[in-house]
């Protein structure tokens, strides 16, 4: 087993796996960053649109559990919301 780990082939494969792992980690980090930024922006926009109120704050707590694509969809939909209940209904339908 120790001899196998010392072969050039094994070391090249191990290095490739490390590189792939780093790339996956960077991609996950970028995805998480985009999600966090989307949540922050949606929070600011919704608070500006509806003001700070308990119903909105309750709805905002649901955003961190949403995938990025859903957050992007929400960003488009908020233009049509007239009140916080429209937001709550949209969240419930997702």
C-alpha atoms as a PDB file:
ATOM      1  CA  UNK A   1       0.000   0.000   0.000  1.00  0.00           C
ATOM      2  CA  UNK A   2       2.817   2.411   0.878  1.00  0.00           C
ATOM      3  CA  UNK A   3       4.641   1.536  -2.354  1.00  0.00           C
ATOM      4  CA  UNK A   4       1.531   2.276  -4.416  1.00  0.00           C
ATOM      5  CA  UNK A   5       1.178   5.711  -2.822  1.00  0.00           C
ATOM      6  CA  UNK A   6       4.724   6.529  -3.822  1.00  0.00           C
ATOM      7  CA  UNK A   7       4.180   5.870  -7.525  1.00  0.00           C
ATOM      8  CA  UNK A   8       4.012   8.790  -9.908  1.00  0.00           C
ATOM      9  CA  UNK A   9       0.621   7.630 -11.220  1.00  0.00           C
ATOM     10  CA  UNK A  10      -0.898   7.571  -7.740  1.00  0.00           C
ATOM     11  CA  UNK A  11       0.520  10.971  -6.877  1.00  0.00           C
ATOM     12  CA  UNK A  12      -0.820  12.487 -10.126  1.00  0.00           C
ATOM     13  CA  UNK A  13      -4.287  11.111  -9.416  1.00  0.00           C
ATOM     14  CA  UNK A  14      -4.165  12.390  -5.836  1.00  0.00           C
ATOM     15  CA  UNK A  15      -3.106  15.861  -7.024  1.00  0.00           C
ATOM     16  CA  UNK A  16      -5.924  15.931  -9.586  1.00  0.00           C
ATOM     17  CA  UNK A  17      -8.450  15.033  -6.880  1.00  0.00           C
ATOM     18  CA  UNK A  18      -7.099  17.824  -4.667  1.00  0.00           C
ATOM     19  CA  UNK A  19      -7.433  20.324  -7.543  1.00  0.00           C
ATOM     20  CA  UNK A  20     -10.995  19.219  -8.248  1.00  0.00           C
ATOM     21  CA  UNK A  21     -11.837  19.513  -4.565  1.00  0.00           C
ATOM     22  CA  UNK A  22     -10.500  23.066  -4.462  1.00  0.00           C
ATOM     23  CA  UNK A  23     -12.476  23.995  -7.587  1.00  0.00           C
ATOM     24  CA  UNK A  24     -15.663  22.561  -6.108  1.00  0.00           C
ATOM     25  CA  UNK A  25     -15.017  24.463  -2.891  1.00  0.00           C
ATOM     26  CA  UNK A  26     -14.545  27.737  -4.754  1.00  0.00           C
ATOM     27  CA  UNK A  27     -17.705  27.158  -6.776  1.00  0.00           C
ATOM     28  CA  UNK A  28     -19.703  26.411  -3.625  1.00  0.00           C
ATOM     29  CA  UNK A  29     -18.261  29.524  -2.004  1.00  0.00           C
ATOM     30  CA  UNK A  30     -19.284  31.691  -4.955  1.00  0.00           C
ATOM     31  CA  UNK A  31     -22.783  30.195  -4.891  1.00  0.00           C
ATOM     32  CA  UNK A  32     -23.121  30.874  -1.169  1.00  0.00           C
ATOM     33  CA  UNK A  33     -21.865  34.420  -1.673  1.00  0.00           C
ATOM     34  CA  UNK A  34     -24.414  35.075  -4.406  1.00  0.00           C
ATOM     35  CA  UNK A  35     -27.165  33.669  -2.201  1.00  0.00           C
ATOM     36  CA  UNK A  36     -26.150  35.864   0.740  1.00  0.00           C
ATOM     37  CA  UNK A  37     -25.992  38.962  -1.464  1.00  0.00           C
ATOM     38  CA  UNK A  38     -29.407  38.171  -2.950  1.00  0.00           C
ATOM     39  CA  UNK A  39     -30.926  37.829   0.508  1.00  0.00           C
ATOM     40  CA  UNK A  40     -29.366  41.103   1.639  1.00  0.00           C
ATOM     41  CA  UNK A  41     -30.631  42.956  -1.432  1.00  0.00           C
ATOM     42  CA  UNK A  42     -34.138  41.465  -1.250  1.00  0.00           C
ATOM     43  CA  UNK A  43     -34.319  42.338   2.438  1.00  0.00           C
ATOM     44  CA  UNK A  44     -33.413  45.963   1.729  1.00  0.00           C
ATOM     45  CA  UNK A  45     -35.848  46.239  -1.165  1.00  0.00           C
ATOM     46  CA  UNK A  46     -38.743  44.679   0.710  1.00  0.00           C
ATOM     47  CA  UNK A  47     -38.157  46.808   3.817  1.00  0.00           C
ATOM     48  CA  UNK A  48     -38.067  49.904   1.652  1.00  0.00           C
ATOM     49  CA  UNK A  49     -41.245  48.891  -0.169  1.00  0.00           C
ATOM     50  CA  UNK A  50     -43.297  47.877   2.883  1.00  0.00           C
ATOM     51  CA  UNK A  51     -41.473  49.416   5.828  1.00  0.00           C
ATOM     52  CA  UNK A  52     -40.345  47.504   8.863  1.00  0.00           C
ATOM     53  CA  UNK A  53     -43.253  45.519  10.229  1.00  0.00           C
ATOM     54  CA  UNK A  54     -43.569  42.205  12.094  1.00  0.00           C
ATOM     55  CA  UNK A  55     -45.247  40.348   9.211  1.00  0.00           C
ATOM     56  CA  UNK A  56     -42.441  41.299   6.842  1.00  0.00           C
ATOM     57  CA  UNK A  57     -39.735  40.351   9.316  1.00  0.00           C
ATOM     58  CA  UNK A  58     -41.357  36.939   9.720  1.00  0.00           C
ATOM     59  CA  UNK A  59     -41.431  36.467   5.946  1.00  0.00           C
ATOM     60  CA  UNK A  60     -37.796  37.561   5.613  1.00  0.00           C
ATOM     61  CA  UNK A  61     -36.715  34.751   7.939  1.00  0.00           C
ATOM     62  CA  UNK A  62     -37.726  32.302   5.214  1.00  0.00           C
ATOM     63  CA  UNK A  63     -35.278  33.673   2.650  1.00  0.00           C
ATOM     64  CA  UNK A  64     -32.100  31.938   3.907  1.00  0.00           C
ATOM     65  CA  UNK A  65     -33.706  28.544   3.279  1.00  0.00           C
ATOM     66  CA  UNK A  66     -34.366  29.326  -0.378  1.00  0.00           C
ATOM     67  CA  UNK A  67     -32.208  28.325  -3.320  1.00  0.00           C
ATOM     68  CA  UNK A  68     -30.607  31.024  -5.434  1.00  0.00           C
ATOM     69  CA  UNK A  69     -32.960  30.493  -8.371  1.00  0.00           C
ATOM     70  CA  UNK A  70     -35.970  31.026  -6.121  1.00  0.00           C
ATOM     71  CA  UNK A  71     -34.434  34.209  -4.730  1.00  0.00           C
ATOM     72  CA  UNK A  72     -33.907  35.438  -8.279  1.00  0.00           C
ATOM     73  CA  UNK A  73     -37.548  34.661  -9.088  1.00  0.00           C
ATOM     74  CA  UNK A  74     -38.626  36.553  -5.988  1.00  0.00           C
ATOM     75  CA  UNK A  75     -36.597  39.568  -7.115  1.00  0.00           C
ATOM     76  CA  UNK A  76     -38.746  39.743 -10.241  1.00  0.00           C
ATOM     77  CA  UNK A  77     -41.999  39.157  -8.416  1.00  0.00           C
ATOM     78  CA  UNK A  78     -41.613  41.858  -5.756  1.00  0.00           C
ATOM     79  CA  UNK A  79     -42.339  44.494  -8.372  1.00  0.00           C
ATOM     80  CA  UNK A  80     -45.923  43.227  -8.491  1.00  0.00           C
ATOM     81  CA  UNK A  81     -46.488  42.865  -4.751  1.00  0.00           C
ATOM     82  CA  UNK A  82     -48.923  45.394  -3.309  1.00  0.00           C
ATOM     83  CA  UNK A  83     -48.550  44.363   0.334  1.00  0.00           C
ATOM     84  CA  UNK A  84     -46.801  41.898   2.615  1.00  0.00           C
ATOM     85  CA  UNK A  85     -49.573  39.336   2.223  1.00  0.00           C
ATOM     86  CA  UNK A  86     -48.693  39.124  -1.491  1.00  0.00           C
ATOM     87  CA  UNK A  87     -45.156  38.204  -0.443  1.00  0.00           C
ATOM     88  CA  UNK A  88     -46.425  35.678   2.092  1.00  0.00           C
ATOM     89  CA  UNK A  89     -48.726  34.102  -0.505  1.00  0.00           C
ATOM     90  CA  UNK A  90     -45.865  33.845  -2.983  1.00  0.00           C
ATOM     91  CA  UNK A  91     -43.614  32.239  -0.369  1.00  0.00           C
ATOM     92  CA  UNK A  92     -46.358  29.778   0.581  1.00  0.00           C
ATOM     93  CA  UNK A  93     -46.832  28.764  -3.059  1.00  0.00           C
ATOM     94  CA  UNK A  94     -43.167  27.902  -3.507  1.00  0.00           C
END
